[in-house]
Amino acid sequence: MTNTQNDGNPDPVESTAGEGVIEEEMNEDAVAEADEAPQSEAPVDPTAELDKWKDVAARAQADLDNFRKRMAREKSEAIQYANRDLLEQILPIIDNFEMGLKAAGAAEGESSMILQGMSMVYKQIEDFLSDQGVERIESDGVAFDPNVHDALKQESHATVPEGHIIYTIRRGYRLKERILRAANVVVSSGAEEPS
């Protein structure tokens, strides 16, 4: 038997019975969802986790140390070779100065004041290059080395052995361990065989 009030609503007893059915259905849905959810993993071993993070930290520290060493090395090289472009541009001027010095010696004689003045300036230039770490690459009479010599041609020569340099066309220079300019040379092909 249902009790109805004047406003047509069911009595409170009936409404709570309906809510109980809804609550049971919600509980069944929650149990079904819980069954579908993945089971939680086994507990993590704290010492293994600690070892993992120690390893990550050690690797990060090693990477940082390597980065610092590389930056220090690159900075040192940048300082050492900072003047390289300038020195490379000066080399053709030095070549022309040497040609002028030879011409002055041939025209004026060894006792000329002009030649003496040019020789003093040339000495200053050599001292400047030496202070900057620039040195000449040996070429005349030595064995040809493709790392520091640039062979422009080969000629036969009676006294210079095969593979050795007969004469230098243009001097080569080195800045510390790096080549500024290779020496342009003529290489001996040995003594000419009689025909």
N, C-alpha and C. Protein backbone atom coordinates (compact mmCIF):
# COMPACT_ATOMS: atom_id res chain seq x y z
N MET A 1 0.84 -1.17 0.00
CA MET A 1 0.00 0.00 0.00
C MET A 1 0.88 1.23 0.00
N THR A 2 0.53 2.18 -0.81
CA THR A 2 1.34 3.38 -0.92
C THR A 2 0.65 4.53 -0.25
N ASN A 3 1.43 5.25 0.47
CA ASN A 3 0.92 6.45 1.12
C ASN A 3 1.29 7.63 0.26
N THR A 4 0.34 8.43 -0.09
CA THR A 4 0.63 9.64 -0.85
C THR A 4 0.17 10.82 -0.06
N GLN A 5 0.93 11.84 -0.17
CA GLN A 5 0.55 13.07 0.50
C GLN A 5 -0.28 13.89 -0.45
N ASN A 6 -0.77 14.99 0.04
CA ASN A 6 -1.65 15.84 -0.74
C ASN A 6 -0.99 16.38 -2.00
N ASP A 7 0.33 16.53 -1.98
CA ASP A 7 0.98 17.12 -3.15
C ASP A 7 1.32 16.08 -4.20
N GLY A 8 1.05 14.78 -4.02
CA GLY A 8 1.24 13.74 -5.02
C GLY A 8 2.59 13.08 -4.95
N ASN A 9 3.42 13.44 -4.01
CA ASN A 9 4.74 12.82 -3.89
C ASN A 9 4.61 11.55 -3.08
N PRO A 10 5.47 10.55 -3.39
CA PRO A 10 5.42 9.34 -2.57
C PRO A 10 5.93 9.65 -1.18
N ASP A 11 5.56 8.80 -0.25
CA ASP A 11 5.98 9.07 1.11
C ASP A 11 7.46 8.75 1.28
N PRO A 12 8.08 9.23 2.34
CA PRO A 12 9.51 9.08 2.53
C PRO A 12 9.94 7.63 2.58
N VAL A 13 9.14 6.72 2.99
CA VAL A 13 9.53 5.31 3.08
C VAL A 13 9.80 4.78 1.70
N GLU A 14 8.95 5.10 0.72
CA GLU A 14 9.13 4.60 -0.64
C GLU A 14 10.37 5.19 -1.28
N SER A 15 10.66 6.45 -1.08
CA SER A 15 11.79 7.09 -1.76
C SER A 15 13.10 6.52 -1.26
N THR A 16 13.24 6.19 0.02
CA THR A 16 14.51 5.64 0.50
C THR A 16 14.72 4.25 -0.04
N ALA A 17 13.67 3.50 -0.28
CA ALA A 17 13.84 2.16 -0.85
C ALA A 17 14.40 2.27 -2.25
N GLY A 18 13.95 3.25 -3.03
CA GLY A 18 14.46 3.46 -4.40
C GLY A 18 15.92 3.88 -4.37
N GLU A 19 16.30 4.71 -3.42
CA GLU A 19 17.69 5.16 -3.33
C GLU A 19 18.60 3.99 -2.97
N GLY A 20 18.14 3.05 -2.18
CA GLY A 20 18.93 1.89 -1.81
C GLY A 20 19.29 1.06 -3.03
N VAL A 21 18.38 0.94 -3.96
CA VAL A 21 18.64 0.18 -5.18
C VAL A 21 19.70 0.90 -6.01
N ILE A 22 19.60 2.21 -6.08
CA ILE A 22 20.59 3.00 -6.84
C ILE A 22 21.97 2.87 -6.20
N GLU A 23 22.03 2.91 -4.86
CA GLU A 23 23.31 2.78 -4.17
C GLU A 23 23.92 1.41 -4.43
N GLU A 24 23.12 0.35 -4.45
CA GLU A 24 23.65 -0.98 -4.72
C GLU A 24 24.23 -1.06 -6.12
N GLU A 25 23.56 -0.46 -7.09
CA GLU A 25 24.07 -0.47 -8.47
C GLU A 25 25.39 0.30 -8.55
N MET A 26 25.51 1.43 -7.85
CA MET A 26 26.75 2.20 -7.85
C MET A 26 27.88 1.40 -7.22
N ASN A 27 27.58 0.68 -6.12
CA ASN A 27 28.60 -0.13 -5.46
C ASN A 27 29.08 -1.25 -6.39
N GLU A 28 28.15 -1.87 -7.14
CA GLU A 28 28.53 -2.93 -8.08
C GLU A 28 29.43 -2.36 -9.18
N ASP A 29 29.11 -1.13 -9.69
CA ASP A 29 29.95 -0.48 -10.71
C ASP A 29 31.36 -0.21 -10.18
N ALA A 30 31.46 0.25 -8.94
CA ALA A 30 32.75 0.55 -8.34
C ALA A 30 33.58 -0.72 -8.19
N VAL A 31 32.94 -1.84 -7.78
CA VAL A 31 33.66 -3.12 -7.65
C VAL A 31 34.13 -3.58 -9.01
N ALA A 32 33.32 -3.43 -10.06
CA ALA A 32 33.71 -3.84 -11.41
C ALA A 32 34.89 -3.00 -11.89
N GLU A 33 34.90 -1.68 -11.64
CA GLU A 33 36.01 -0.81 -12.03
C GLU A 33 37.29 -1.18 -11.28
N ALA A 34 37.16 -1.51 -10.02
CA ALA A 34 38.31 -1.90 -9.22
C ALA A 34 38.92 -3.19 -9.75
N ASP A 35 38.06 -4.12 -10.21
CA ASP A 35 38.57 -5.37 -10.78
C ASP A 35 39.31 -5.11 -12.09
N GLU A 36 38.86 -4.14 -12.88
CA GLU A 36 39.50 -3.82 -14.16
C GLU A 36 40.81 -3.04 -13.97
N ALA A 37 40.99 -2.29 -12.90
CA ALA A 37 42.19 -1.48 -12.68
C ALA A 37 43.39 -2.40 -12.52
N PRO A 38 44.59 -1.99 -13.06
CA PRO A 38 45.77 -2.83 -12.94
C PRO A 38 46.20 -2.94 -11.48
N GLN A 39 46.73 -4.08 -11.17
CA GLN A 39 47.19 -4.30 -9.82
C GLN A 39 48.46 -3.48 -9.59
N SER A 40 48.67 -2.96 -8.43
CA SER A 40 49.85 -2.15 -8.13
C SER A 40 51.09 -3.04 -8.16
N GLU A 41 52.23 -2.44 -8.60
CA GLU A 41 53.48 -3.19 -8.72
C GLU A 41 53.99 -3.56 -7.33
N ALA A 42 54.94 -4.49 -7.36
CA ALA A 42 55.53 -4.89 -6.10
C ALA A 42 56.29 -3.72 -5.51
N PRO A 43 56.45 -3.65 -4.24
CA PRO A 43 57.16 -2.51 -3.64
C PRO A 43 58.60 -2.44 -4.16
N VAL A 44 59.05 -1.20 -4.37
CA VAL A 44 60.39 -0.96 -4.90
C VAL A 44 61.41 -1.08 -3.77
N ASP A 45 62.54 -1.73 -4.10
CA ASP A 45 63.60 -1.90 -3.12
C ASP A 45 64.29 -0.54 -2.95
N PRO A 46 64.32 0.02 -1.74
CA PRO A 46 64.91 1.35 -1.54
C PRO A 46 66.40 1.40 -1.85
N THR A 47 67.14 0.33 -1.61
CA THR A 47 68.58 0.37 -1.90
C THR A 47 68.82 0.37 -3.40
N ALA A 48 67.99 -0.35 -4.16
CA ALA A 48 68.14 -0.35 -5.62
C ALA A 48 67.82 1.04 -6.18
N GLU A 49 66.78 1.65 -5.64
CA GLU A 49 66.41 3.00 -6.08
C GLU A 49 67.52 3.99 -5.74
N LEU A 50 68.11 3.86 -4.57
CA LEU A 50 69.21 4.73 -4.14
C LEU A 50 70.42 4.55 -5.05
N ASP A 51 70.76 3.28 -5.37
CA ASP A 51 71.88 3.01 -6.26
C ASP A 51 71.64 3.60 -7.64
N LYS A 52 70.41 3.52 -8.11
CA LYS A 52 70.07 4.07 -9.43
C LYS A 52 70.32 5.58 -9.44
N TRP A 53 69.87 6.28 -8.44
CA TRP A 53 70.03 7.74 -8.40
C TRP A 53 71.48 8.15 -8.15
N LYS A 54 72.23 7.32 -7.41
CA LYS A 54 73.66 7.59 -7.23
C LYS A 54 74.38 7.48 -8.57
N ASP A 55 74.01 6.46 -9.35
CA ASP A 55 74.61 6.28 -10.68
C ASP A 55 74.29 7.45 -11.60
N VAL A 56 73.04 7.91 -11.57
CA VAL A 56 72.63 9.07 -12.38
C VAL A 56 73.43 10.30 -11.97
N ALA A 57 73.60 10.51 -10.68
CA ALA A 57 74.35 11.67 -10.18
C ALA A 57 75.82 11.58 -10.57
N ALA A 58 76.41 10.38 -10.49
CA ALA A 58 77.82 10.20 -10.86
C ALA A 58 78.03 10.48 -12.35
N ARG A 59 77.11 10.00 -13.18
CA ARG A 59 77.21 10.27 -14.62
C ARG A 59 77.07 11.76 -14.93
N ALA A 60 76.16 12.40 -14.27
CA ALA A 60 75.98 13.85 -14.48
C ALA A 60 77.23 14.61 -14.05
N GLN A 61 77.85 14.20 -12.95
CA GLN A 61 79.08 14.85 -12.48
C GLN A 61 80.22 14.63 -13.48
N ALA A 62 80.33 13.42 -14.02
CA ALA A 62 81.38 13.14 -15.01
C ALA A 62 81.16 13.96 -16.27
N ASP A 63 79.91 14.08 -16.72
CA ASP A 63 79.60 14.90 -17.90
C ASP A 63 79.98 16.35 -17.66
N LEU A 64 79.68 16.85 -16.47
CA LEU A 64 80.01 18.24 -16.14
C LEU A 64 81.52 18.45 -16.13
N ASP A 65 82.27 17.50 -15.54
CA ASP A 65 83.73 17.60 -15.51
C ASP A 65 84.32 17.59 -16.93
N ASN A 66 83.81 16.70 -17.79
CA ASN A 66 84.27 16.65 -19.17
C ASN A 66 83.96 17.95 -19.91
N PHE A 67 82.79 18.51 -19.67
CA PHE A 67 82.41 19.78 -20.29
C PHE A 67 83.36 20.90 -19.86
N ARG A 68 83.67 20.95 -18.57
CA ARG A 68 84.58 21.99 -18.06
C ARG A 68 85.97 21.86 -18.68
N LYS A 69 86.48 20.62 -18.77
CA LYS A 69 87.79 20.40 -19.37
C LYS A 69 87.81 20.81 -20.83
N ARG A 70 86.75 20.45 -21.56
CA ARG A 70 86.68 20.80 -22.99
C ARG A 70 86.63 22.31 -23.16
N MET A 71 85.86 23.00 -22.33
CA MET A 71 85.77 24.46 -22.43
C MET A 71 87.11 25.11 -22.11
N ALA A 72 87.82 24.59 -21.11
CA ALA A 72 89.14 25.14 -20.76
C ALA A 72 90.12 24.95 -21.91
N ARG A 73 90.09 23.76 -22.53
CA ARG A 73 90.98 23.48 -23.66
C ARG A 73 90.66 24.39 -24.85
N GLU A 74 89.37 24.55 -25.16
CA GLU A 74 88.97 25.40 -26.28
C GLU A 74 89.33 26.86 -26.01
N LYS A 75 89.19 27.30 -24.77
CA LYS A 75 89.56 28.68 -24.42
C LYS A 75 91.06 28.88 -24.59
N SER A 76 91.85 27.90 -24.13
CA SER A 76 93.30 27.99 -24.26
C SER A 76 93.73 28.05 -25.72
N GLU A 77 93.10 27.20 -26.56
CA GLU A 77 93.41 27.21 -27.99
C GLU A 77 92.99 28.51 -28.64
N ALA A 78 91.85 29.04 -28.25
CA ALA A 78 91.38 30.31 -28.81
C ALA A 78 92.36 31.43 -28.49
N ILE A 79 92.90 31.42 -27.28
CA ILE A 79 93.88 32.45 -26.90
C ILE A 79 95.17 32.26 -27.68
N GLN A 80 95.64 30.99 -27.80
CA GLN A 80 96.89 30.71 -28.50
C GLN A 80 96.84 31.12 -29.96
N TYR A 81 95.70 30.85 -30.60
CA TYR A 81 95.61 31.06 -32.05
C TYR A 81 94.74 32.26 -32.42
N ALA A 82 94.57 33.19 -31.50
CA ALA A 82 93.71 34.35 -31.74
C ALA A 82 94.24 35.23 -32.86
N ASN A 83 95.56 35.33 -33.00
CA ASN A 83 96.17 36.21 -34.01
C ASN A 83 96.38 35.52 -35.35
N ARG A 84 95.89 34.34 -35.52
CA ARG A 84 96.16 33.56 -36.73
C ARG A 84 95.78 34.31 -37.99
N ASP A 85 94.59 34.86 -38.06
CA ASP A 85 94.16 35.57 -39.28
C ASP A 85 95.06 36.76 -39.58
N LEU A 86 95.39 37.51 -38.55
CA LEU A 86 96.26 38.67 -38.73
C LEU A 86 97.63 38.24 -39.27
N LEU A 87 98.20 37.20 -38.67
CA LEU A 87 99.51 36.72 -39.09
C LEU A 87 99.48 36.20 -40.53
N GLU A 88 98.41 35.51 -40.90
CA GLU A 88 98.29 35.02 -42.27
C GLU A 88 98.25 36.19 -43.27
N GLN A 89 97.65 37.30 -42.89
CA GLN A 89 97.58 38.46 -43.78
C GLN A 89 98.91 39.20 -43.85
N ILE A 90 99.74 39.06 -42.84
CA ILE A 90 101.05 39.73 -42.83
C ILE A 90 102.05 38.99 -43.72
N LEU A 91 101.88 37.69 -43.89
CA LEU A 91 102.88 36.88 -44.62
C LEU A 91 103.17 37.38 -46.04
N PRO A 92 102.18 37.73 -46.85
CA PRO A 92 102.51 38.27 -48.19
C PRO A 92 103.30 39.58 -48.12
N ILE A 93 103.06 40.38 -47.10
CA ILE A 93 103.81 41.64 -46.93
C ILE A 93 105.27 41.31 -46.63
N ILE A 94 105.49 40.29 -45.79
CA ILE A 94 106.86 39.87 -45.48
C ILE A 94 107.54 39.35 -46.74
N ASP A 95 106.81 38.59 -47.57
CA ASP A 95 107.38 38.10 -48.83
C ASP A 95 107.85 39.26 -49.70
N ASN A 96 107.02 40.27 -49.83
CA ASN A 96 107.38 41.44 -50.65
C ASN A 96 108.56 42.19 -50.05
N PHE A 97 108.60 42.26 -48.73
CA PHE A 97 109.71 42.94 -48.07
C PHE A 97 111.03 42.20 -48.33
N GLU A 98 110.98 40.86 -48.29
CA GLU A 98 112.18 40.07 -48.57
C GLU A 98 112.66 40.29 -50.01
N MET A 99 111.71 40.36 -50.95
CA MET A 99 112.10 40.62 -52.35
C MET A 99 112.73 42.01 -52.49
N GLY A 100 112.17 42.99 -51.79
CA GLY A 100 112.74 44.33 -51.81
C GLY A 100 114.13 44.36 -51.19
N LEU A 101 114.33 43.59 -50.16
CA LEU A 101 115.63 43.50 -49.49
C LEU A 101 116.68 42.90 -50.44
N LYS A 102 116.30 41.86 -51.18
CA LYS A 102 117.22 41.25 -52.16
C LYS A 102 117.54 42.23 -53.28
N ALA A 103 116.51 42.92 -53.74
CA ALA A 103 116.73 43.88 -54.84
C ALA A 103 117.63 45.02 -54.37
N ALA A 104 117.43 45.51 -53.15
CA ALA A 104 118.26 46.59 -52.63
C ALA A 104 119.70 46.12 -52.47
N GLY A 105 119.91 44.89 -52.05
CA GLY A 105 121.25 44.34 -51.91
C GLY A 105 121.95 44.22 -53.25
N ALA A 106 121.20 43.84 -54.30
CA ALA A 106 121.79 43.70 -55.62
C ALA A 106 122.09 45.06 -56.24
N ALA A 107 121.23 46.04 -56.01
CA ALA A 107 121.40 47.35 -56.64
C ALA A 107 122.38 48.24 -55.89
N GLU A 108 122.30 48.25 -54.59
CA GLU A 108 123.06 49.21 -53.80
C GLU A 108 124.39 48.66 -53.27
N GLY A 109 124.51 47.35 -53.14
CA GLY A 109 125.71 46.79 -52.53
C GLY A 109 125.48 46.58 -51.04
N GLU A 110 126.32 45.75 -50.42
CA GLU A 110 126.15 45.37 -49.02
C GLU A 110 126.35 46.53 -48.05
N SER A 111 127.10 47.55 -48.43
CA SER A 111 127.39 48.65 -47.50
C SER A 111 126.39 49.80 -47.60
N SER A 112 125.34 49.64 -48.37
CA SER A 112 124.36 50.70 -48.56
C SER A 112 123.60 50.98 -47.27
N MET A 113 123.35 52.26 -47.00
CA MET A 113 122.57 52.66 -45.82
C MET A 113 121.12 52.21 -45.94
N ILE A 114 120.58 52.22 -47.15
CA ILE A 114 119.20 51.78 -47.37
C ILE A 114 119.09 50.29 -47.03
N LEU A 115 120.04 49.52 -47.50
CA LEU A 115 120.03 48.09 -47.22
C LEU A 115 120.17 47.82 -45.73
N GLN A 116 121.03 48.56 -45.06
CA GLN A 116 121.21 48.38 -43.60
C GLN A 116 119.92 48.72 -42.85
N GLY A 117 119.26 49.81 -43.26
CA GLY A 117 117.99 50.20 -42.61
C GLY A 117 116.91 49.16 -42.84
N MET A 118 116.82 48.65 -44.08
CA MET A 118 115.82 47.61 -44.38
C MET A 118 116.12 46.33 -43.61
N SER A 119 117.41 46.01 -43.45
CA SER A 119 117.80 44.80 -42.71
C SER A 119 117.40 44.92 -41.24
N MET A 120 117.54 46.13 -40.68
CA MET A 120 117.14 46.33 -39.28
C MET A 120 115.62 46.17 -39.12
N VAL A 121 114.86 46.71 -40.07
CA VAL A 121 113.40 46.56 -40.01
C VAL A 121 113.01 45.09 -40.16
N TYR A 122 113.70 44.40 -41.07
CA TYR A 122 113.41 42.98 -41.28
C TYR A 122 113.70 42.16 -40.01
N LYS A 123 114.75 42.52 -39.32
CA LYS A 123 115.09 41.85 -38.05
C LYS A 123 113.97 42.07 -37.02
N GLN A 124 113.42 43.29 -36.98
CA GLN A 124 112.32 43.57 -36.07
C GLN A 124 111.08 42.72 -36.42
N ILE A 125 110.83 42.58 -37.71
CA ILE A 125 109.70 41.76 -38.15
C ILE A 125 109.91 40.31 -37.71
N GLU A 126 111.11 39.79 -37.91
CA GLU A 126 111.39 38.41 -37.49
C GLU A 126 111.23 38.23 -35.98
N ASP A 127 111.69 39.21 -35.21
CA ASP A 127 111.53 39.14 -33.76
C ASP A 127 110.06 39.16 -33.35
N PHE A 128 109.28 40.00 -34.03
CA PHE A 128 107.85 40.07 -33.76
C PHE A 128 107.18 38.72 -34.03
N LEU A 129 107.50 38.11 -35.17
CA LEU A 129 106.91 36.81 -35.51
C LEU A 129 107.32 35.75 -34.49
N SER A 130 108.57 35.78 -34.08
CA SER A 130 109.05 34.82 -33.10
C SER A 130 108.32 34.99 -31.76
N ASP A 131 108.09 36.22 -31.36
CA ASP A 131 107.35 36.49 -30.11
C ASP A 131 105.91 35.98 -30.19
N GLN A 132 105.34 35.97 -31.38
CA GLN A 132 103.96 35.50 -31.57
C GLN A 132 103.89 33.97 -31.71
N GLY A 133 105.05 33.31 -31.72
CA GLY A 133 105.06 31.85 -31.84
C GLY A 133 105.14 31.37 -33.28
N VAL A 134 105.48 32.26 -34.21
CA VAL A 134 105.58 31.90 -35.62
C VAL A 134 107.02 31.50 -35.91
N GLU A 135 107.17 30.40 -36.65
CA GLU A 135 108.50 29.98 -37.07
C GLU A 135 108.45 29.54 -38.53
N ARG A 136 109.58 29.65 -39.20
CA ARG A 136 109.68 29.24 -40.59
C ARG A 136 109.70 27.73 -40.68
N ILE A 137 109.15 27.22 -41.76
CA ILE A 137 109.21 25.79 -42.05
C ILE A 137 110.47 25.56 -42.88
N GLU A 138 111.31 24.65 -42.41
CA GLU A 138 112.53 24.34 -43.16
C GLU A 138 112.14 23.73 -44.50
N SER A 139 112.85 24.14 -45.55
CA SER A 139 112.51 23.60 -46.85
C SER A 139 113.72 23.30 -47.74
N ASP A 140 114.66 24.20 -47.88
CA ASP A 140 115.76 23.99 -48.82
C ASP A 140 116.62 22.80 -48.42
N GLY A 141 116.75 21.82 -49.34
CA GLY A 141 117.63 20.68 -49.13
C GLY A 141 117.07 19.57 -48.27
N VAL A 142 115.91 19.73 -47.67
CA VAL A 142 115.34 18.69 -46.80
C VAL A 142 114.42 17.77 -47.60
N ALA A 143 114.08 16.64 -47.03
CA ALA A 143 113.15 15.71 -47.69
C ALA A 143 111.76 16.34 -47.77
N PHE A 144 111.10 16.11 -48.89
CA PHE A 144 109.76 16.66 -49.09
C PHE A 144 108.78 16.03 -48.11
N ASP A 145 108.00 16.88 -47.43
CA ASP A 145 106.96 16.43 -46.50
C ASP A 145 105.65 17.07 -46.93
N PRO A 146 104.70 16.27 -47.43
CA PRO A 146 103.44 16.85 -47.92
C PRO A 146 102.61 17.55 -46.85
N ASN A 147 102.93 17.32 -45.57
CA ASN A 147 102.19 17.99 -44.49
C ASN A 147 102.58 19.45 -44.36
N VAL A 148 103.81 19.79 -44.74
CA VAL A 148 104.28 21.17 -44.56
C VAL A 148 104.78 21.81 -45.85
N HIS A 149 104.93 21.01 -46.91
CA HIS A 149 105.44 21.52 -48.18
C HIS A 149 104.39 21.34 -49.27
N ASP A 150 104.35 22.28 -50.18
CA ASP A 150 103.45 22.22 -51.32
C ASP A 150 104.32 22.19 -52.58
N ALA A 151 104.42 21.03 -53.24
CA ALA A 151 105.29 20.88 -54.41
C ALA A 151 104.61 21.51 -55.63
N LEU A 152 105.27 22.49 -56.23
CA LEU A 152 104.73 23.12 -57.42
C LEU A 152 105.19 22.41 -58.68
N LYS A 153 106.39 21.84 -58.63
CA LYS A 153 106.87 21.05 -59.78
C LYS A 153 108.03 20.17 -59.34
N GLN A 154 108.42 19.27 -60.26
CA GLN A 154 109.55 18.38 -60.03
C GLN A 154 110.57 18.61 -61.13
N GLU A 155 111.83 18.64 -60.76
CA GLU A 155 112.90 18.83 -61.73
C GLU A 155 114.00 17.81 -61.43
N SER A 156 114.70 17.46 -62.48
CA SER A 156 115.86 16.59 -62.25
C SER A 156 117.02 17.45 -61.76
N HIS A 157 117.84 16.86 -60.89
CA HIS A 157 118.97 17.60 -60.33
C HIS A 157 120.11 16.62 -60.08
N ALA A 158 121.32 17.03 -60.45
CA ALA A 158 122.47 16.14 -60.37
C ALA A 158 122.90 15.86 -58.94
N THR A 159 122.79 16.84 -58.04
CA THR A 159 123.32 16.66 -56.68
C THR A 159 122.25 16.46 -55.61
N VAL A 160 121.06 16.94 -55.85
CA VAL A 160 119.99 16.80 -54.84
C VAL A 160 119.29 15.46 -55.06
N PRO A 161 119.24 14.60 -54.04
CA PRO A 161 118.62 13.28 -54.22
C PRO A 161 117.11 13.37 -54.48
N GLU A 162 116.60 12.31 -55.07
CA GLU A 162 115.18 12.26 -55.41
C GLU A 162 114.33 12.39 -54.14
N GLY A 163 113.25 13.18 -54.23
CA GLY A 163 112.34 13.37 -53.10
C GLY A 163 112.77 14.46 -52.15
N HIS A 164 113.89 15.12 -52.43
CA HIS A 164 114.35 16.24 -51.61
C HIS A 164 114.06 17.56 -52.34
N ILE A 165 114.01 18.63 -51.58
CA ILE A 165 113.65 19.94 -52.14
C ILE A 165 114.90 20.61 -52.71
N ILE A 166 114.76 21.07 -53.95
CA ILE A 166 115.86 21.78 -54.61
C ILE A 166 115.91 23.22 -54.13
N TYR A 167 114.79 23.92 -54.23
CA TYR A 167 114.72 25.29 -53.74
C TYR A 167 113.28 25.66 -53.39
N THR A 168 113.17 26.73 -52.64
CA THR A 168 111.87 27.21 -52.15
C THR A 168 111.43 28.41 -52.97
N ILE A 169 110.22 28.37 -53.45
CA ILE A 169 109.66 29.51 -54.19
C ILE A 169 109.05 30.50 -53.21
N ARG A 170 108.31 30.00 -52.24
CA ARG A 170 107.69 30.86 -51.22
C ARG A 170 107.82 30.16 -49.87
N ARG A 171 108.31 30.88 -48.88
CA ARG A 171 108.52 30.30 -47.55
C ARG A 171 107.20 29.88 -46.90
N GLY A 172 107.30 28.85 -46.08
CA GLY A 172 106.16 28.41 -45.29
C GLY A 172 106.35 28.80 -43.84
N TYR A 173 105.24 28.95 -43.13
CA TYR A 173 105.30 29.36 -41.72
C TYR A 173 104.35 28.49 -40.90
N ARG A 174 104.71 28.31 -39.65
CA ARG A 174 103.94 27.53 -38.69
C ARG A 174 103.69 28.39 -37.46
N LEU A 175 102.46 28.34 -36.94
CA LEU A 175 102.12 29.01 -35.68
C LEU A 175 101.96 27.92 -34.63
N LYS A 176 102.95 27.83 -33.75
CA LYS A 176 103.02 26.75 -32.75
C LYS A 176 102.96 25.41 -33.48
N GLU A 177 101.90 24.62 -33.35
CA GLU A 177 101.85 23.34 -34.07
C GLU A 177 101.00 23.40 -35.34
N ARG A 178 100.38 24.51 -35.62
CA ARG A 178 99.51 24.60 -36.79
C ARG A 178 100.22 25.31 -37.95
N ILE A 179 99.90 24.86 -39.15
CA ILE A 179 100.50 25.44 -40.35
C ILE A 179 99.75 26.71 -40.71
N LEU A 180 100.48 27.82 -40.80
CA LEU A 180 99.88 29.06 -41.29
C LEU A 180 99.85 29.04 -42.82
N ARG A 181 100.98 28.61 -43.38
CA ARG A 181 101.08 28.55 -44.83
C ARG A 181 102.14 27.50 -45.17
N ALA A 182 101.81 26.59 -46.08
CA ALA A 182 102.78 25.58 -46.51
C ALA A 182 103.81 26.24 -47.41
N ALA A 183 105.02 25.70 -47.40
CA ALA A 183 106.09 26.22 -48.25
C ALA A 183 105.87 25.73 -49.68
N ASN A 184 105.97 26.63 -50.64
CA ASN A 184 105.90 26.26 -52.06
C ASN A 184 107.31 25.92 -52.52
N VAL A 185 107.48 24.70 -53.00
CA VAL A 185 108.83 24.21 -53.28
C VAL A 185 108.90 23.49 -54.63
N VAL A 186 110.15 23.30 -55.08
CA VAL A 186 110.44 22.50 -56.26
C VAL A 186 111.18 21.27 -55.76
N VAL A 187 110.72 20.09 -56.16
CA VAL A 187 111.25 18.84 -55.65
C VAL A 187 112.10 18.15 -56.71
N SER A 188 113.16 17.53 -56.25
CA SER A 188 114.07 16.83 -57.17
C SER A 188 113.48 15.48 -57.58
N SER A 189 113.64 15.17 -58.85
CA SER A 189 113.25 13.85 -59.35
C SER A 189 114.48 12.97 -59.51
N GLY A 190 115.62 13.41 -58.98
CA GLY A 190 116.87 12.65 -59.05
C GLY A 190 117.72 13.12 -60.22
N ALA A 191 118.83 12.45 -60.39
CA ALA A 191 119.74 12.81 -61.49
C ALA A 191 119.11 12.40 -62.82
N GLU A 192 119.34 13.22 -63.82
CA GLU A 192 118.80 12.93 -65.15
C GLU A 192 119.58 11.79 -65.76
N GLU A 193 118.85 10.80 -66.25
CA GLU A 193 119.53 9.64 -66.85
C GLU A 193 120.02 10.01 -68.23
N PRO A 194 121.25 9.58 -68.58
CA PRO A 194 121.77 9.90 -69.92
C PRO A 194 120.97 9.15 -70.98
N SER A 195 120.72 9.82 -72.09
CA SER A 195 119.90 9.21 -73.13
C SER A 195 120.77 8.53 -74.16
